[in-house]
């Protein structure tokens, strides 16, 4: 999609870019065949999914037929975040133990 006009239309649902790195922006096509038709575009310059991703009206049609993901309540999210912190701490401890092991091993050689 070479020619476009940025727009701030809030009537379309938000969607992530194809690599789920950022929320898309909505642009309006200026080409002869699709003049005025709005499409999703990745805002990250140079990303593999940069520029045209999908027509907004096609995405909205697809959204109505998709099953919504279950929402995670905040207490479950807090538990998961705590588990991630614990796992990171264990990884650091294991890395330190392995480092010490290899230093001792090399020192004895």
PDB file of N, CA and C in Angstrom:
ATOM      1  N   UNK A   1       0.852  -1.155   0.000  1.00  0.00           N
ATOM      2  CA  UNK A   1       0.000   0.000   0.000  1.00  0.00           C
ATOM      3  C   UNK A   1       0.903   1.225   0.000  1.00  0.00           C
ATOM      4  N   UNK A   2       1.120   1.811  -1.109  1.00  0.00           N
ATOM      5  CA  UNK A   2       2.078   2.898  -1.219  1.00  0.00           C
ATOM      6  C   UNK A   2       1.514   4.226  -0.763  1.00  0.00           C
ATOM      7  N   UNK A   3       0.274   4.500  -1.049  1.00  0.00           N
ATOM      8  CA  UNK A   3      -0.261   5.804  -0.682  1.00  0.00           C
ATOM      9  C   UNK A   3      -1.371   5.655   0.343  1.00  0.00           C
ATOM     10  N   UNK A   4      -1.282   6.463   1.394  1.00  0.00           N
ATOM     11  CA  UNK A   4      -2.248   6.375   2.472  1.00  0.00           C
ATOM     12  C   UNK A   4      -2.364   7.712   3.172  1.00  0.00           C
ATOM     13  N   UNK A   5      -3.395   7.828   3.989  1.00  0.00           N
ATOM     14  CA  UNK A   5      -3.558   8.968   4.884  1.00  0.00           C
ATOM     15  C   UNK A   5      -3.808   8.392   6.257  1.00  0.00           C
ATOM     16  N   UNK A   6      -3.057   8.826   7.249  1.00  0.00           N
ATOM     17  CA  UNK A   6      -3.292   8.345   8.612  1.00  0.00           C
ATOM     18  C   UNK A   6      -4.635   8.860   9.099  1.00  0.00           C
ATOM     19  N   UNK A   7      -5.267   8.061   9.908  1.00  0.00           N
ATOM     20  CA  UNK A   7      -6.563   8.452  10.458  1.00  0.00           C
ATOM     21  C   UNK A   7      -6.664   7.961  11.882  1.00  0.00           C
ATOM     22  N   UNK A   8      -7.494   8.569  12.654  1.00  0.00           N
ATOM     23  CA  UNK A   8      -7.645   8.171  14.053  1.00  0.00           C
ATOM     24  C   UNK A   8      -9.058   7.657  14.298  1.00  0.00           C
ATOM     25  N   UNK A   9      -9.497   6.752  13.470  1.00  0.00           N
ATOM     26  CA  UNK A   9     -10.844   6.199  13.593  1.00  0.00           C
ATOM     27  C   UNK A   9     -10.882   5.208  14.755  1.00  0.00           C
ATOM     28  N   UNK A  10     -11.742   5.465  15.721  1.00  0.00           N
ATOM     29  CA  UNK A  10     -11.838   4.605  16.892  1.00  0.00           C
ATOM     30  C   UNK A  10     -12.936   3.552  16.737  1.00  0.00           C
ATOM     31  N   UNK A  11     -13.610   3.527  15.588  1.00  0.00           N
ATOM     32  CA  UNK A  11     -14.721   2.586  15.419  1.00  0.00           C
ATOM     33  C   UNK A  11     -14.261   1.169  15.126  1.00  0.00           C
ATOM     34  N   UNK A  12     -13.006   0.987  14.748  1.00  0.00           N
ATOM     35  CA  UNK A  12     -12.488  -0.342  14.473  1.00  0.00           C
ATOM     36  C   UNK A  12     -11.883  -0.932  15.737  1.00  0.00           C
ATOM     37  N   UNK A  13     -11.992  -2.244  15.922  1.00  0.00           N
ATOM     38  CA  UNK A  13     -11.378  -2.855  17.115  1.00  0.00           C
ATOM     39  C   UNK A  13      -9.864  -2.792  17.030  1.00  0.00           C
ATOM     40  N   UNK A  14      -9.222  -2.680  18.191  1.00  0.00           N
ATOM     41  CA  UNK A  14      -7.768  -2.698  18.206  1.00  0.00           C
ATOM     42  C   UNK A  14      -7.281  -4.084  17.827  1.00  0.00           C
ATOM     43  N   UNK A  15      -6.138  -4.134  17.184  1.00  0.00           N
ATOM     44  CA  UNK A  15      -5.535  -5.429  16.890  1.00  0.00           C
ATOM     45  C   UNK A  15      -4.025  -5.287  16.927  1.00  0.00           C
ATOM     46  N   UNK A  16      -3.383  -6.377  17.284  1.00  0.00           N
ATOM     47  CA  UNK A  16      -1.929  -6.390  17.308  1.00  0.00           C
ATOM     48  C   UNK A  16      -1.409  -6.649  15.904  1.00  0.00           C
ATOM     49  N   UNK A  17      -0.186  -6.190  15.639  1.00  0.00           N
ATOM     50  CA  UNK A  17       0.420  -6.486  14.348  1.00  0.00           C
ATOM     51  C   UNK A  17       0.661  -8.002  14.260  1.00  0.00           C
ATOM     52  N   UNK A  18       1.071  -8.459  13.111  1.00  0.00           N
ATOM     53  CA  UNK A  18       1.232  -9.901  12.890  1.00  0.00           C
ATOM     54  C   UNK A  18       2.251 -10.544  13.818  1.00  0.00           C
ATOM     55  N   UNK A  19       3.207  -9.759  14.307  1.00  0.00           N
ATOM     56  CA  UNK A  19       4.221 -10.303  15.208  1.00  0.00           C
ATOM     57  C   UNK A  19       3.927  -9.946  16.660  1.00  0.00           C
ATOM     58  N   UNK A  20       2.745  -9.359  16.916  1.00  0.00           N
ATOM     59  CA  UNK A  20       2.263  -9.014  18.256  1.00  0.00           C
ATOM     60  C   UNK A  20       3.273  -8.174  19.033  1.00  0.00           C
ATOM     61  N   UNK A  21       3.881  -7.213  18.349  1.00  0.00           N
ATOM     62  CA  UNK A  21       4.854  -6.324  18.985  1.00  0.00           C
ATOM     63  C   UNK A  21       4.234  -4.976  19.332  1.00  0.00           C
ATOM     64  N   UNK A  22       3.195  -4.585  18.606  1.00  0.00           N
ATOM     65  CA  UNK A  22       2.579  -3.281  18.833  1.00  0.00           C
ATOM     66  C   UNK A  22       1.154  -3.301  18.296  1.00  0.00           C
ATOM     67  N   UNK A  23       0.332  -2.364  18.797  1.00  0.00           N
ATOM     68  CA  UNK A  23      -1.003  -2.225  18.256  1.00  0.00           C
ATOM     69  C   UNK A  23      -0.925  -1.494  16.921  1.00  0.00           C
ATOM     70  N   UNK A  24      -1.726  -1.954  15.992  1.00  0.00           N
ATOM     71  CA  UNK A  24      -1.754  -1.363  14.664  1.00  0.00           C
ATOM     72  C   UNK A  24      -2.345   0.040  14.706  1.00  0.00           C
ATOM     73  N   UNK A  25      -1.994   0.809  13.699  1.00  0.00           N
ATOM     74  CA  UNK A  25      -2.661   2.083  13.478  1.00  0.00           C
ATOM     75  C   UNK A  25      -3.570   1.899  12.272  1.00  0.00           C
ATOM     76  N   UNK A  26      -4.579   2.738  12.180  1.00  0.00           N
ATOM     77  CA  UNK A  26      -5.522   2.648  11.069  1.00  0.00           C
ATOM     78  C   UNK A  26      -5.154   3.722  10.053  1.00  0.00           C
ATOM     79  N   UNK A  27      -5.062   3.321   8.797  1.00  0.00           N
ATOM     80  CA  UNK A  27      -4.768   4.250   7.712  1.00  0.00           C
ATOM     81  C   UNK A  27      -5.878   4.158   6.674  1.00  0.00           C
ATOM     82  N   UNK A  28      -5.996   5.199   5.885  1.00  0.00           N
ATOM     83  CA  UNK A  28      -7.015   5.240   4.843  1.00  0.00           C
ATOM     84  C   UNK A  28      -6.317   5.216   3.484  1.00  0.00           C
ATOM     85  N   UNK A  29      -6.717   4.263   2.651  1.00  0.00           N
ATOM     86  CA  UNK A  29      -6.099   4.098   1.335  1.00  0.00           C
ATOM     87  C   UNK A  29      -6.467   5.259   0.417  1.00  0.00           C
ATOM     88  N   UNK A  30      -5.523   5.627  -0.435  1.00  0.00           N
ATOM     89  CA  UNK A  30      -5.769   6.662  -1.438  1.00  0.00           C
ATOM     90  C   UNK A  30      -5.630   6.114  -2.852  1.00  0.00           C
ATOM     91  N   UNK A  31      -5.467   4.801  -2.973  1.00  0.00           N
ATOM     92  CA  UNK A  31      -5.318   4.208  -4.301  1.00  0.00           C
ATOM     93  C   UNK A  31      -6.650   4.259  -5.044  1.00  0.00           C
ATOM     94  N   UNK A  32      -6.583   4.131  -6.349  1.00  0.00           N
ATOM     95  CA  UNK A  32      -7.785   4.234  -7.173  1.00  0.00           C
ATOM     96  C   UNK A  32      -8.803   3.148  -6.829  1.00  0.00           C
ATOM     97  N   UNK A  33      -8.339   1.907  -6.662  1.00  0.00           N
ATOM     98  CA  UNK A  33      -9.256   0.787  -6.437  1.00  0.00           C
ATOM     99  C   UNK A  33      -9.864   0.772  -5.038  1.00  0.00           C
ATOM    100  N   UNK A  34      -9.158   1.302  -4.059  1.00  0.00           N
ATOM    101  CA  UNK A  34      -9.635   1.215  -2.666  1.00  0.00           C
ATOM    102  C   UNK A  34      -9.695   2.573  -1.971  1.00  0.00           C
ATOM    103  N   UNK A  35      -9.912   3.626  -2.707  1.00  0.00           N
ATOM    104  CA  UNK A  35      -9.909   4.980  -2.149  1.00  0.00           C
ATOM    105  C   UNK A  35     -10.867   5.085  -0.957  1.00  0.00           C
ATOM    106  N   UNK A  36     -10.319   5.555   0.171  1.00  0.00           N
ATOM    107  CA  UNK A  36     -11.124   5.763   1.368  1.00  0.00           C
ATOM    108  C   UNK A  36     -11.280   4.532   2.250  1.00  0.00           C
ATOM    109  N   UNK A  37     -10.890   3.382   1.770  1.00  0.00           N
ATOM    110  CA  UNK A  37     -11.015   2.150   2.566  1.00  0.00           C
ATOM    111  C   UNK A  37      -9.920   2.120   3.630  1.00  0.00           C
ATOM    112  N   UNK A  38     -10.286   1.782   4.834  1.00  0.00           N
ATOM    113  CA  UNK A  38      -9.342   1.819   5.945  1.00  0.00           C
ATOM    114  C   UNK A  38      -8.706   0.452   6.167  1.00  0.00           C
ATOM    115  N   UNK A  39      -7.433   0.498   6.574  1.00  0.00           N
ATOM    116  CA  UNK A  39      -6.694  -0.742   6.788  1.00  0.00           C
ATOM    117  C   UNK A  39      -5.784  -0.609   8.001  1.00  0.00           C
ATOM    118  N   UNK A  40      -5.423  -1.764   8.579  1.00  0.00           N
ATOM    119  CA  UNK A  40      -4.501  -1.801   9.703  1.00  0.00           C
ATOM    120  C   UNK A  40      -3.080  -1.773   9.175  1.00  0.00           C
ATOM    121  N   UNK A  41      -2.223  -1.062   9.909  1.00  0.00           N
ATOM    122  CA  UNK A  41      -0.820  -0.948   9.535  1.00  0.00           C
ATOM    123  C   UNK A  41       0.035  -1.043  10.786  1.00  0.00           C
ATOM    124  N   UNK A  42       1.145  -1.757  10.695  1.00  0.00           N
ATOM    125  CA  UNK A  42       2.071  -1.861  11.822  1.00  0.00           C
ATOM    126  C   UNK A  42       2.818  -0.536  11.959  1.00  0.00           C
ATOM    127  N   UNK A  43       2.900   0.014  13.166  1.00  0.00           N
ATOM    128  CA  UNK A  43       3.564   1.304  13.349  1.00  0.00           C
ATOM    129  C   UNK A  43       5.085   1.214  13.469  1.00  0.00           C
ATOM    130  N   UNK A  44       5.636   0.007  13.566  1.00  0.00           N
ATOM    131  CA  UNK A  44       7.075  -0.150  13.779  1.00  0.00           C
ATOM    132  C   UNK A  44       7.785  -0.188  12.431  1.00  0.00           C
ATOM    133  N   UNK A  45       8.509   0.895  12.139  1.00  0.00           N
ATOM    134  CA  UNK A  45       9.225   0.986  10.869  1.00  0.00           C
ATOM    135  C   UNK A  45      10.279  -0.111  10.783  1.00  0.00           C
ATOM    136  N   UNK A  46      10.309  -0.801   9.673  1.00  0.00           N
ATOM    137  CA  UNK A  46      11.301  -1.843   9.456  1.00  0.00           C
ATOM    138  C   UNK A  46      10.890  -3.215   9.965  1.00  0.00           C
ATOM    139  N   UNK A  47       9.766  -3.306  10.665  1.00  0.00           N
ATOM    140  CA  UNK A  47       9.296  -4.610  11.137  1.00  0.00           C
ATOM    141  C   UNK A  47       8.849  -5.433   9.931  1.00  0.00           C
ATOM    142  N   UNK A  48       8.919  -6.778  10.046  1.00  0.00           N
ATOM    143  CA  UNK A  48       8.507  -7.617   8.912  1.00  0.00           C
ATOM    144  C   UNK A  48       7.057  -7.371   8.486  1.00  0.00           C
ATOM    145  N   UNK A  49       6.234  -6.905   9.423  1.00  0.00           N
ATOM    146  CA  UNK A  49       4.821  -6.673   9.102  1.00  0.00           C
ATOM    147  C   UNK A  49       4.525  -5.196   8.905  1.00  0.00           C
ATOM    148  N   UNK A  50       5.552  -4.356   8.692  1.00  0.00           N
ATOM    149  CA  UNK A  50       5.364  -2.918   8.527  1.00  0.00           C
ATOM    150  C   UNK A  50       4.478  -2.632   7.328  1.00  0.00           C
ATOM    151  N   UNK A  51       3.645  -1.628   7.472  1.00  0.00           N
ATOM    152  CA  UNK A  51       2.715  -1.127   6.479  1.00  0.00           C
ATOM    153  C   UNK A  51       1.427  -1.954   6.459  1.00  0.00           C
ATOM    154  N   UNK A  52       0.935  -2.342   5.293  1.00  0.00           N
ATOM    155  CA  UNK A  52      -0.387  -2.977   5.197  1.00  0.00           C
ATOM    156  C   UNK A  52      -0.413  -4.330   5.902  1.00  0.00           C
ATOM    157  N   UNK A  53      -1.446  -4.526   6.723  1.00  0.00           N
ATOM    158  CA  UNK A  53      -1.638  -5.819   7.377  1.00  0.00           C
ATOM    159  C   UNK A  53      -2.951  -6.440   6.931  1.00  0.00           C
ATOM    160  N   UNK A  54      -4.051  -5.666   7.073  1.00  0.00           N
ATOM    161  CA  UNK A  54      -5.359  -6.215   6.728  1.00  0.00           C
ATOM    162  C   UNK A  54      -6.366  -5.082   6.630  1.00  0.00           C
ATOM    163  N   UNK A  55      -7.371  -5.273   5.791  1.00  0.00           N
ATOM    164  CA  UNK A  55      -8.454  -4.297   5.712  1.00  0.00           C
ATOM    165  C   UNK A  55      -9.250  -4.335   7.014  1.00  0.00           C
ATOM    166  N   UNK A  56      -9.622  -3.172   7.516  1.00  0.00           N
ATOM    167  CA  UNK A  56     -10.342  -3.079   8.803  1.00  0.00           C
ATOM    168  C   UNK A  56     -11.689  -3.792   8.751  1.00  0.00           C
ATOM    169  N   UNK A  57     -12.417  -3.615   7.649  1.00  0.00           N
ATOM    170  CA  UNK A  57     -13.740  -4.236   7.578  1.00  0.00           C
ATOM    171  C   UNK A  57     -13.660  -5.756   7.542  1.00  0.00           C
ATOM    172  N   UNK A  58     -12.613  -6.315   6.961  1.00  0.00           N
ATOM    173  CA  UNK A  58     -12.443  -7.767   6.947  1.00  0.00           C
ATOM    174  C   UNK A  58     -12.076  -8.295   8.324  1.00  0.00           C
ATOM    175  N   UNK A  59     -11.278  -7.549   9.045  1.00  0.00           N
ATOM    176  CA  UNK A  59     -10.892  -7.973  10.400  1.00  0.00           C
ATOM    177  C   UNK A  59     -12.100  -7.956  11.325  1.00  0.00           C
ATOM    178  N   UNK A  60     -12.941  -6.939  11.217  1.00  0.00           N
ATOM    179  CA  UNK A  60     -14.113  -6.847  12.080  1.00  0.00           C
ATOM    180  C   UNK A  60     -15.074  -7.996  11.809  1.00  0.00           C
ATOM    181  N   UNK A  61     -15.247  -8.363  10.542  1.00  0.00           N
ATOM    182  CA  UNK A  61     -16.107  -9.496  10.210  1.00  0.00           C
ATOM    183  C   UNK A  61     -15.569 -10.777  10.834  1.00  0.00           C
ATOM    184  N   UNK A  62     -14.257 -10.969  10.750  1.00  0.00           N
ATOM    185  CA  UNK A  62     -13.639 -12.172  11.313  1.00  0.00           C
ATOM    186  C   UNK A  62     -13.752 -12.184  12.833  1.00  0.00           C
ATOM    187  N   UNK A  63     -13.612 -11.018  13.455  1.00  0.00           N
ATOM    188  CA  UNK A  63     -13.666 -10.914  14.913  1.00  0.00           C
ATOM    189  C   UNK A  63     -15.003 -11.389  15.466  1.00  0.00           C
ATOM    190  N   UNK A  64     -16.088 -11.122  14.753  1.00  0.00           N
ATOM    191  CA  UNK A  64     -17.401 -11.490  15.278  1.00  0.00           C
ATOM    192  C   UNK A  64     -17.585 -12.996  15.360  1.00  0.00           C
ATOM    193  N   UNK A  65     -16.831 -13.757  14.566  1.00  0.00           N
ATOM    194  CA  UNK A  65     -16.973 -15.203  14.568  1.00  0.00           C
ATOM    195  C   UNK A  65     -15.941 -15.915  15.433  1.00  0.00           C
ATOM    196  N   UNK A  66     -14.961 -15.192  15.934  1.00  0.00           N
ATOM    197  CA  UNK A  66     -13.932 -15.818  16.753  1.00  0.00           C
ATOM    198  C   UNK A  66     -14.394 -15.925  18.202  1.00  0.00           C
ATOM    199  N   UNK A  67     -13.935 -16.976  18.848  1.00  0.00           N
ATOM    200  CA  UNK A  67     -14.204 -17.148  20.268  1.00  0.00           C
ATOM    201  C   UNK A  67     -13.249 -16.241  21.027  1.00  0.00           C
ATOM    202  N   UNK A  68     -13.777 -15.490  21.965  1.00  0.00           N
ATOM    203  CA  UNK A  68     -12.945 -14.585  22.738  1.00  0.00           C
ATOM    204  C   UNK A  68     -12.072 -15.375  23.707  1.00  0.00           C
ATOM    205  N   UNK A  69     -10.831 -14.905  23.910  1.00  0.00           N
ATOM    206  CA  UNK A  69      -9.943 -15.538  24.871  1.00  0.00           C
ATOM    207  C   UNK A  69     -10.486 -15.326  26.282  1.00  0.00           C
ATOM    208  N   UNK A  70     -10.330 -16.330  27.143  1.00  0.00           N
ATOM    209  CA  UNK A  70     -10.780 -16.127  28.520  1.00  0.00           C
ATOM    210  C   UNK A  70      -9.918 -15.076  29.197  1.00  0.00           C
ATOM    211  N   UNK A  71     -10.554 -14.253  29.997  1.00  0.00           N
ATOM    212  CA  UNK A  71      -9.831 -13.205  30.717  1.00  0.00           C
ATOM    213  C   UNK A  71      -9.235 -13.796  31.992  1.00  0.00           C
ATOM    214  N   UNK A  72      -8.037 -13.360  32.332  1.00  0.00           N
ATOM    215  CA  UNK A  72      -7.385 -13.805  33.557  1.00  0.00           C
ATOM    216  C   UNK A  72      -7.660 -12.747  34.622  1.00  0.00           C
ATOM    217  N   UNK A  73      -8.172 -13.168  35.766  1.00  0.00           N
ATOM    218  CA  UNK A  73      -8.442 -12.198  36.825  1.00  0.00           C
ATOM    219  C   UNK A  73      -7.130 -11.726  37.439  1.00  0.00           C
ATOM    220  N   UNK A  74      -7.171 -10.599  38.110  1.00  0.00           N
ATOM    221  CA  UNK A  74      -5.942  -9.980  38.605  1.00  0.00           C
ATOM    222  C   UNK A  74      -5.224 -10.846  39.634  1.00  0.00           C
ATOM    223  N   UNK A  75      -5.959 -11.605  40.464  1.00  0.00           N
ATOM    224  CA  UNK A  75      -5.288 -12.451  41.452  1.00  0.00           C
ATOM    225  C   UNK A  75      -4.509 -13.577  40.767  1.00  0.00           C
ATOM    226  N   UNK A  76      -5.075 -14.154  39.709  1.00  0.00           N
ATOM    227  CA  UNK A  76      -4.368 -15.184  38.952  1.00  0.00           C
ATOM    228  C   UNK A  76      -3.134 -14.595  38.279  1.00  0.00           C
ATOM    229  N   UNK A  77      -3.273 -13.390  37.756  1.00  0.00           N
ATOM    230  CA  UNK A  77      -2.150 -12.726  37.106  1.00  0.00           C
ATOM    231  C   UNK A  77      -1.032 -12.451  38.110  1.00  0.00           C
ATOM    232  N   UNK A  78      -1.382 -12.030  39.297  1.00  0.00           N
ATOM    233  CA  UNK A  78      -0.374 -11.788  40.333  1.00  0.00           C
ATOM    234  C   UNK A  78       0.350 -13.074  40.714  1.00  0.00           C
ATOM    235  N   UNK A  79      -0.396 -14.177  40.800  1.00  0.00           N
ATOM    236  CA  UNK A  79       0.233 -15.473  41.107  1.00  0.00           C
ATOM    237  C   UNK A  79       1.217 -15.867  40.007  1.00  0.00           C
ATOM    238  N   UNK A  80       0.808 -15.696  38.761  1.00  0.00           N
ATOM    239  CA  UNK A  80       1.681 -16.040  37.640  1.00  0.00           C
ATOM    240  C   UNK A  80       2.932 -15.164  37.632  1.00  0.00           C
ATOM    241  N   UNK A  81       2.762 -13.874  37.912  1.00  0.00           N
ATOM    242  CA  UNK A  81       3.919 -12.983  37.957  1.00  0.00           C
ATOM    243  C   UNK A  81       4.875 -13.391  39.072  1.00  0.00           C
ATOM    244  N   UNK A  82       4.343 -13.799  40.221  1.00  0.00           N
ATOM    245  CA  UNK A  82       5.184 -14.256  41.327  1.00  0.00           C
ATOM    246  C   UNK A  82       5.944 -15.521  40.944  1.00  0.00           C
ATOM    247  N   UNK A  83       5.280 -16.433  40.248  1.00  0.00           N
ATOM    248  CA  UNK A  83       5.944 -17.655  39.786  1.00  0.00           C
ATOM    249  C   UNK A  83       7.075 -17.337  38.815  1.00  0.00           C
ATOM    250  N   UNK A  84       6.859 -16.366  37.936  1.00  0.00           N
ATOM    251  CA  UNK A  84       7.902 -15.971  36.994  1.00  0.00           C
ATOM    252  C   UNK A  84       9.114 -15.425  37.738  1.00  0.00           C
ATOM    253  N   UNK A  85       8.877 -14.613  38.764  1.00  0.00           N
ATOM    254  CA  UNK A  85       9.976 -14.063  39.562  1.00  0.00           C
ATOM    255  C   UNK A  85      10.753 -15.192  40.235  1.00  0.00           C
ATOM    256  N   UNK A  86      10.043 -16.168  40.796  1.00  0.00           N
ATOM    257  CA  UNK A  86      10.698 -17.314  41.441  1.00  0.00           C
ATOM    258  C   UNK A  86      11.537 -18.109  40.435  1.00  0.00           C
ATOM    259  N   UNK A  87      11.001 -18.328  39.271  1.00  0.00           N
ATOM    260  CA  UNK A  87      11.726 -19.079  38.245  1.00  0.00           C
ATOM    261  C   UNK A  87      12.985 -18.329  37.821  1.00  0.00           C
ATOM    262  N   UNK A  88      12.878 -17.026  37.653  1.00  0.00           N
ATOM    263  CA  UNK A  88      14.057 -16.225  37.297  1.00  0.00           C
ATOM    264  C   UNK A  88      15.119 -16.318  38.386  1.00  0.00           C
ATOM    265  N   UNK A  89      14.697 -16.279  39.652  1.00  0.00           N
ATOM    266  CA  UNK A  89      15.657 -16.391  40.752  1.00  0.00           C
ATOM    267  C   UNK A  89      16.344 -17.755  40.739  1.00  0.00           C
ATOM    268  N   UNK A  90      15.586 -18.817  40.504  1.00  0.00           N
ATOM    269  CA  UNK A  90      16.167 -20.152  40.427  1.00  0.00           C
ATOM    270  C   UNK A  90      17.163 -20.262  39.275  1.00  0.00           C
ATOM    271  N   UNK A  91      16.845 -19.667  38.163  1.00  0.00           N
ATOM    272  CA  UNK A  91      17.758 -19.700  37.014  1.00  0.00           C
ATOM    273  C   UNK A  91      19.060 -18.984  37.372  1.00  0.00           C
ATOM    274  N   UNK A  92      18.965 -17.845  38.050  1.00  0.00           N
ATOM    275  CA  UNK A  92      20.176 -17.126  38.455  1.00  0.00           C
ATOM    276  C   UNK A  92      21.025 -17.959  39.405  1.00  0.00           C
ATOM    277  N   UNK A  93      20.382 -18.631  40.354  1.00  0.00           N
ATOM    278  CA  UNK A  93      21.109 -19.472  41.315  1.00  0.00           C
ATOM    279  C   UNK A  93      21.810 -20.617  40.588  1.00  0.00           C
ATOM    280  N   UNK A  94      21.096 -21.271  39.687  1.00  0.00           N
ATOM    281  CA  UNK A  94      21.688 -22.374  38.921  1.00  0.00           C
ATOM    282  C   UNK A  94      22.859 -21.877  38.088  1.00  0.00           C
ATOM    283  N   UNK A  95      22.712 -20.709  37.474  1.00  0.00           N
ATOM    284  CA  UNK A  95      23.801 -20.146  36.662  1.00  0.00           C
ATOM    285  C   UNK A  95      25.025 -19.869  37.529  1.00  0.00           C
ATOM    286  N   UNK A  96      24.820 -19.347  38.736  1.00  0.00           N
ATOM    287  CA  UNK A  96      25.946 -19.076  39.641  1.00  0.00           C
ATOM    288  C   UNK A  96      26.635 -20.371  40.073  1.00  0.00           C
ATOM    289  N   UNK A  97      25.849 -21.377  40.400  1.00  0.00           N
ATOM    290  CA  UNK A  97      26.416 -22.662  40.813  1.00  0.00           C
ATOM    291  C   UNK A  97      27.217 -23.271  39.670  1.00  0.00           C
ATOM    292  N   UNK A  98      26.689 -23.222  38.470  1.00  0.00           N
ATOM    293  CA  UNK A  98      27.419 -23.763  37.318  1.00  0.00           C
ATOM    294  C   UNK A  98      28.703 -22.982  37.064  1.00  0.00           C
ATOM    295  N   UNK A  99      28.658 -21.672  37.203  1.00  0.00           N
ATOM    296  CA  UNK A  99      29.853 -20.858  37.020  1.00  0.00           C
ATOM    297  C   UNK A  99      30.926 -21.241  38.032  1.00  0.00           C
ATOM    298  N   UNK A 100      30.532 -21.363  39.299  1.00  0.00           N
ATOM    299  CA  UNK A 100      31.482 -21.746  40.348  1.00  0.00           C
ATOM    300  C   UNK A 100      32.044 -23.138  40.072  1.00  0.00           C
ATOM    301  N   UNK A 101      31.193 -24.059  39.648  1.00  0.00           N
ATOM    302  CA  UNK A 101      31.635 -25.416  39.329  1.00  0.00           C
ATOM    303  C   UNK A 101      32.699 -25.405  38.241  1.00  0.00           C
ATOM    304  N   UNK A 102      32.461 -24.655  37.171  1.00  0.00           N
ATOM    305  CA  UNK A 102      33.414 -24.609  36.073  1.00  0.00           C
ATOM    306  C   UNK A 102      34.712 -23.900  36.469  1.00  0.00           C
ATOM    307  N   UNK A 103      34.617 -22.880  37.314  1.00  0.00           N
ATOM    308  CA  UNK A 103      35.840 -22.207  37.779  1.00  0.00           C
ATOM    309  C   UNK A 103      36.683 -23.162  38.589  1.00  0.00           C
ATOM    310  N   UNK A 104      36.052 -23.916  39.496  1.00  0.00           N
ATOM    311  CA  UNK A 104      36.779 -24.897  40.290  1.00  0.00           C
ATOM    312  C   UNK A 104      37.358 -25.971  39.404  1.00  0.00           C
ATOM    313  N   UNK A 105      36.592 -26.440  38.455  1.00  0.00           N
ATOM    314  CA  UNK A 105      37.046 -27.470  37.536  1.00  0.00           C
ATOM    315  C   UNK A 105      38.265 -27.002  36.733  1.00  0.00           C
ATOM    316  N   UNK A 106      38.216 -25.783  36.231  1.00  0.00           N
ATOM    317  CA  UNK A 106      39.344 -25.239  35.467  1.00  0.00           C
ATOM    318  C   UNK A 106      40.543 -24.968  36.374  1.00  0.00           C
ATOM    319  N   UNK A 107      40.320 -24.573  37.591  1.00  0.00           N
ATOM    320  CA  UNK A 107      41.394 -24.269  38.536  1.00  0.00           C
ATOM    321  C   UNK A 107      42.173 -25.516  38.882  1.00  0.00           C
ATOM    322  N   UNK A 108      41.486 -26.672  38.976  1.00  0.00           N
ATOM    323  CA  UNK A 108      42.135 -27.933  39.309  1.00  0.00           C
ATOM    324  C   UNK A 108      42.927 -28.526  38.151  1.00  0.00           C
ATOM    325  N   UNK A 109      42.704 -28.062  36.967  1.00  0.00           N
ATOM    326  CA  UNK A 109      43.411 -28.613  35.797  1.00  0.00           C
ATOM    327  C   UNK A 109      44.786 -28.125  35.758  1.00  0.00           C
TER     328      UNK A 109
END
